[in-house]
Amino acid sequence: MKTLAPTPHKTEPAGQKLAAQLRVIRHKQVCEKLQISSAKLFDMVARGQFPKPFTLVSGGRAVGWLEADVDSYVLARKAASTKEAV
């Protein structure tokens, strides 16, 4: 009787799945994703209508958003617009 060797499972390298969830997008990418102007994005952040960006490097000027946060905002707007239509 022949014994079958266990099939190796394909595993993701440590952190690969987490890295996919932690993609940082910059101001221009957020504007493109939301299809709004740069000025509109600044206005929405100032009014508290959109999440504030975070500093990418301590003491630096570069800022960004987690893509998951931007996606959550879009989904929340979608849900709100669906309720408004009813």
C-alpha atoms as a PDB file:
ATOM      1  CA  MET A   1       0.000   0.000   0.000  1.00  0.00           C
ATOM      2  CA  LYS A   2       1.371   3.391  -1.009  1.00  0.00           C
ATOM      3  CA  THR A   3       1.374   6.235   1.508  1.00  0.00           C
ATOM      4  CA  LEU A   4       0.609   9.681   0.168  1.00  0.00           C
ATOM      5  CA  ALA A   5       2.792  12.529   1.273  1.00  0.00           C
ATOM      6  CA  PRO A   6       0.938  15.529   2.659  1.00  0.00           C
ATOM      7  CA  THR A   7       0.458  18.243   0.081  1.00  0.00           C
ATOM      8  CA  PRO A   8       2.278  21.404   1.005  1.00  0.00           C
ATOM      9  CA  HIS A   9      -0.024  24.360   1.533  1.00  0.00           C
ATOM     10  CA  LYS A  10       0.780  27.549  -0.233  1.00  0.00           C
ATOM     11  CA  THR A  11       1.297  30.118   2.450  1.00  0.00           C
ATOM     12  CA  GLU A  12       1.622  33.822   1.986  1.00  0.00           C
ATOM     13  CA  PRO A  13       4.871  35.337   3.127  1.00  0.00           C
ATOM     14  CA  ALA A  14       4.508  36.951   6.533  1.00  0.00           C
ATOM     15  CA  GLY A  15       2.998  40.365   6.209  1.00  0.00           C
ATOM     16  CA  GLN A  16       1.924  40.073   2.561  1.00  0.00           C
ATOM     17  CA  LYS A  17      -1.772  40.033   3.435  1.00  0.00           C
ATOM     18  CA  LEU A  18      -1.272  42.820   5.961  1.00  0.00           C
ATOM     19  CA  ALA A  19       0.685  44.848   3.427  1.00  0.00           C
ATOM     20  CA  ALA A  20      -2.222  44.633   0.998  1.00  0.00           C
ATOM     21  CA  GLN A  21      -4.492  46.106   3.666  1.00  0.00           C
ATOM     22  CA  LEU A  22      -2.023  48.841   4.560  1.00  0.00           C
ATOM     23  CA  ARG A  23      -1.541  50.458   1.189  1.00  0.00           C
ATOM     24  CA  VAL A  24      -0.912  54.174   1.608  1.00  0.00           C
ATOM     25  CA  ILE A  25      -2.206  56.499  -1.060  1.00  0.00           C
ATOM     26  CA  ARG A  26      -1.215  60.103  -1.528  1.00  0.00           C
ATOM     27  CA  HIS A  27      -3.272  63.250  -2.092  1.00  0.00           C
ATOM     28  CA  LYS A  28      -3.332  63.016  -5.895  1.00  0.00           C
ATOM     29  CA  GLN A  29      -4.398  59.363  -5.791  1.00  0.00           C
ATOM     30  CA  VAL A  30      -7.225  60.159  -3.350  1.00  0.00           C
ATOM     31  CA  CYS A  31      -8.459  62.936  -5.650  1.00  0.00           C
ATOM     32  CA  GLU A  32      -8.364  60.570  -8.619  1.00  0.00           C
ATOM     33  CA  LYS A  33     -10.136  57.810  -6.704  1.00  0.00           C
ATOM     34  CA  LEU A  34     -12.914  60.143  -5.520  1.00  0.00           C
ATOM     35  CA  GLN A  35     -12.955  62.120  -8.773  1.00  0.00           C
ATOM     36  CA  ILE A  36     -12.744  65.441  -6.951  1.00  0.00           C
ATOM     37  CA  SER A  37     -10.396  68.403  -7.162  1.00  0.00           C
ATOM     38  CA  SER A  38      -7.492  68.965  -4.824  1.00  0.00           C
ATOM     39  CA  ALA A  39      -9.230  72.019  -3.370  1.00  0.00           C
ATOM     40  CA  LYS A  40     -12.393  69.983  -2.685  1.00  0.00           C
ATOM     41  CA  LEU A  41     -10.379  67.331  -0.829  1.00  0.00           C
ATOM     42  CA  PHE A  42      -8.703  69.980   1.350  1.00  0.00           C
ATOM     43  CA  ASP A  43     -12.121  71.524   2.035  1.00  0.00           C
ATOM     44  CA  MET A  44     -13.683  68.172   2.970  1.00  0.00           C
ATOM     45  CA  VAL A  45     -10.820  67.422   5.391  1.00  0.00           C
ATOM     46  CA  ALA A  46     -11.064  70.905   6.944  1.00  0.00           C
ATOM     47  CA  ARG A  47     -14.827  70.490   7.477  1.00  0.00           C
ATOM     48  CA  GLY A  48     -14.403  67.032   9.005  1.00  0.00           C
ATOM     49  CA  GLN A  49     -16.255  65.385   6.110  1.00  0.00           C
ATOM     50  CA  PHE A  50     -13.263  63.216   5.171  1.00  0.00           C
ATOM     51  CA  PRO A  51     -10.574  61.573   7.323  1.00  0.00           C
ATOM     52  CA  LYS A  52      -7.438  63.594   7.998  1.00  0.00           C
ATOM     53  CA  PRO A  53      -4.237  62.301   6.424  1.00  0.00           C
ATOM     54  CA  PHE A  54      -1.337  61.128   8.552  1.00  0.00           C
ATOM     55  CA  THR A  55       2.338  62.061   8.287  1.00  0.00           C
ATOM     56  CA  LEU A  56       4.330  59.370   6.523  1.00  0.00           C
ATOM     57  CA  VAL A  57       7.681  60.240   8.098  1.00  0.00           C
ATOM     58  CA  SER A  58       8.114  61.723  11.546  1.00  0.00           C
ATOM     59  CA  GLY A  59       8.982  65.382  11.128  1.00  0.00           C
ATOM     60  CA  GLY A  60       8.303  65.218   7.398  1.00  0.00           C
ATOM     61  CA  ARG A  61       5.731  66.965   5.264  1.00  0.00           C
ATOM     62  CA  ALA A  62       4.540  64.012   3.197  1.00  0.00           C
ATOM     63  CA  VAL A  63       1.088  62.782   4.159  1.00  0.00           C
ATOM     64  CA  GLY A  64      -1.190  59.997   3.007  1.00  0.00           C
ATOM     65  CA  TRP A  65      -4.272  57.968   3.744  1.00  0.00           C
ATOM     66  CA  LEU A  66      -4.757  54.254   4.160  1.00  0.00           C
ATOM     67  CA  GLU A  67      -6.539  53.073   1.044  1.00  0.00           C
ATOM     68  CA  ALA A  68      -8.856  51.020   3.263  1.00  0.00           C
ATOM     69  CA  ASP A  69      -9.989  54.243   5.000  1.00  0.00           C
ATOM     70  CA  VAL A  70     -10.722  55.885   1.651  1.00  0.00           C
ATOM     71  CA  ASP A  71     -12.611  52.783   0.523  1.00  0.00           C
ATOM     72  CA  SER A  72     -14.620  52.809   3.768  1.00  0.00           C
ATOM     73  CA  TYR A  73     -15.548  56.434   3.136  1.00  0.00           C
ATOM     74  CA  VAL A  74     -16.772  55.575  -0.379  1.00  0.00           C
ATOM     75  CA  LEU A  75     -18.834  52.647   0.919  1.00  0.00           C
ATOM     76  CA  ALA A  76     -20.341  54.814   3.677  1.00  0.00           C
ATOM     77  CA  ARG A  77     -21.312  57.463   1.105  1.00  0.00           C
ATOM     78  CA  LYS A  78     -22.860  54.745  -1.058  1.00  0.00           C
ATOM     79  CA  ALA A  79     -24.899  53.462   1.874  1.00  0.00           C
ATOM     80  CA  ALA A  80     -25.995  56.990   2.812  1.00  0.00           C
ATOM     81  CA  SER A  81     -27.039  57.842  -0.745  1.00  0.00           C
ATOM     82  CA  THR A  82     -29.054  54.622  -0.963  1.00  0.00           C
ATOM     83  CA  LYS A  83     -30.935  55.565   2.227  1.00  0.00           C
ATOM     84  CA  GLU A  84     -31.519  59.123   0.942  1.00  0.00           C
ATOM     85  CA  ALA A  85     -33.051  57.766  -2.278  1.00  0.00           C
ATOM     86  CA  VAL A  86     -35.639  55.690  -0.395  1.00  0.00           C
END
